[in-house]
Protein backbone atom coordinates (compact mmCIF):
# COMPACT_ATOMS: atom_id res chain seq x y z
CA MET A 1 35.25 62.04 -104.03
CA ASP A 2 35.90 58.72 -102.32
CA GLU A 3 33.18 56.47 -100.93
CA PHE A 4 33.70 57.48 -97.32
CA SER A 5 33.31 61.21 -97.93
CA PHE A 6 30.24 60.49 -100.09
CA VAL A 7 28.64 58.56 -97.23
CA LEU A 8 29.43 61.33 -94.74
CA LYS A 9 27.92 63.93 -97.07
CA LEU A 10 24.84 61.75 -97.53
CA GLN A 11 24.46 61.41 -93.75
CA ARG A 12 24.72 65.19 -93.35
CA VAL A 13 22.02 65.81 -95.98
CA ILE A 14 19.72 63.22 -94.40
CA LYS A 15 20.18 64.80 -90.96
CA GLN A 16 19.39 68.23 -92.40
CA ASN A 17 16.21 66.86 -94.00
CA LEU A 18 15.24 65.22 -90.71
CA ALA A 19 15.72 68.50 -88.86
CA ALA A 20 13.61 70.39 -91.40
CA LEU A 21 10.81 67.83 -91.23
CA SER A 22 10.87 67.84 -87.42
CA ILE A 23 10.71 71.63 -87.31
CA ASN A 24 7.81 71.53 -89.76
CA VAL A 25 5.87 69.16 -87.51
CA THR A 26 6.67 70.90 -84.22
CA SER A 27 6.12 74.46 -85.44
CA GLY A 28 2.58 73.85 -86.64
CA GLY A 29 3.35 73.55 -90.34
CA VAL A 30 1.09 70.52 -90.64
CA ASP A 31 -2.51 71.37 -91.42
CA SER A 32 -4.03 67.92 -91.91
CA HIS A 33 -3.77 64.46 -90.46
CA GLU A 34 -2.75 63.03 -93.84
CA LYS A 35 0.14 65.49 -94.11
CA TYR A 36 1.18 64.65 -90.55
CA LYS A 37 1.19 60.93 -91.33
CA TYR A 38 3.17 61.54 -94.53
CA ILE A 39 5.83 63.61 -92.76
CA THR A 40 6.17 61.20 -89.85
CA GLY A 41 6.55 58.39 -92.40
CA GLN A 42 9.36 60.33 -94.08
CA ILE A 43 11.03 60.89 -90.71
CA SER A 44 10.79 57.20 -89.91
CA ALA A 45 12.24 56.18 -93.27
CA LEU A 46 15.13 58.64 -93.04
CA GLU A 47 15.96 57.49 -89.51
CA SER A 48 15.99 53.89 -90.74
CA VAL A 49 18.39 54.83 -93.54
CA LEU A 50 20.68 56.65 -91.09
CA GLN A 51 20.68 53.63 -88.79
CA GLU A 52 21.54 51.30 -91.65
CA ILE A 53 24.39 53.55 -92.80
CA SER A 54 25.76 53.66 -89.24
CA THR A 55 25.54 49.88 -88.93
CA LEU A 56 27.34 49.37 -92.23
CA LEU A 57 30.08 51.84 -91.28
CA ASP A 58 30.59 50.15 -87.90
CA LYS A 59 30.77 46.76 -89.61
CA LYS A 60 33.35 48.09 -92.10
CA GLU A 61 35.47 49.48 -89.26
CA GLN A 62 35.39 46.09 -87.55
CA ASP A 63 36.32 44.34 -90.82
CA ASP A 64 39.15 46.81 -91.42
CA ASN A 65 40.58 46.10 -87.97
CA GLU A 66 40.47 42.31 -88.37
CA GLY A 67 43.80 40.67 -88.89
CA ASN A 68 45.79 43.55 -87.42
CA VAL A 69 46.52 41.91 -84.09
CA ILE A 70 50.17 42.13 -83.13
CA ARG A 71 51.45 39.59 -80.69
CA ILE A 72 53.65 41.34 -78.15
CA ASP A 73 54.94 38.27 -76.35
CA LYS A 74 56.40 36.39 -79.32
CA ASP A 75 58.64 34.36 -77.06
CA LYS A 76 56.69 33.65 -73.89
CA ASP A 77 59.51 31.78 -72.23
CA LYS A 78 62.21 34.31 -73.12
CA GLY A 79 61.84 36.39 -69.95
CA LYS A 80 61.23 33.50 -67.56
CA PRO A 81 64.04 32.18 -65.37
CA LYS A 82 65.25 28.70 -66.34
CA ASN A 83 65.16 25.97 -63.71
């Protein structure tokens, strides 16, 4: 398994955990304020991790694309009429 597929799998698992925690909170599965605070803390932490992963992936894509600029007009004056 390469790094990219590992990161995608990790993102999928985190999103599944977020969905399960959100359903738990919204469906009345929380019976105390302490449990509510704990679950909302987990949700916040997982969302932060997902955001960081997305930021790192975007940065890698930008780094991968650097240096791949192809100049189309190699000879600017080639197509211009001479005076």
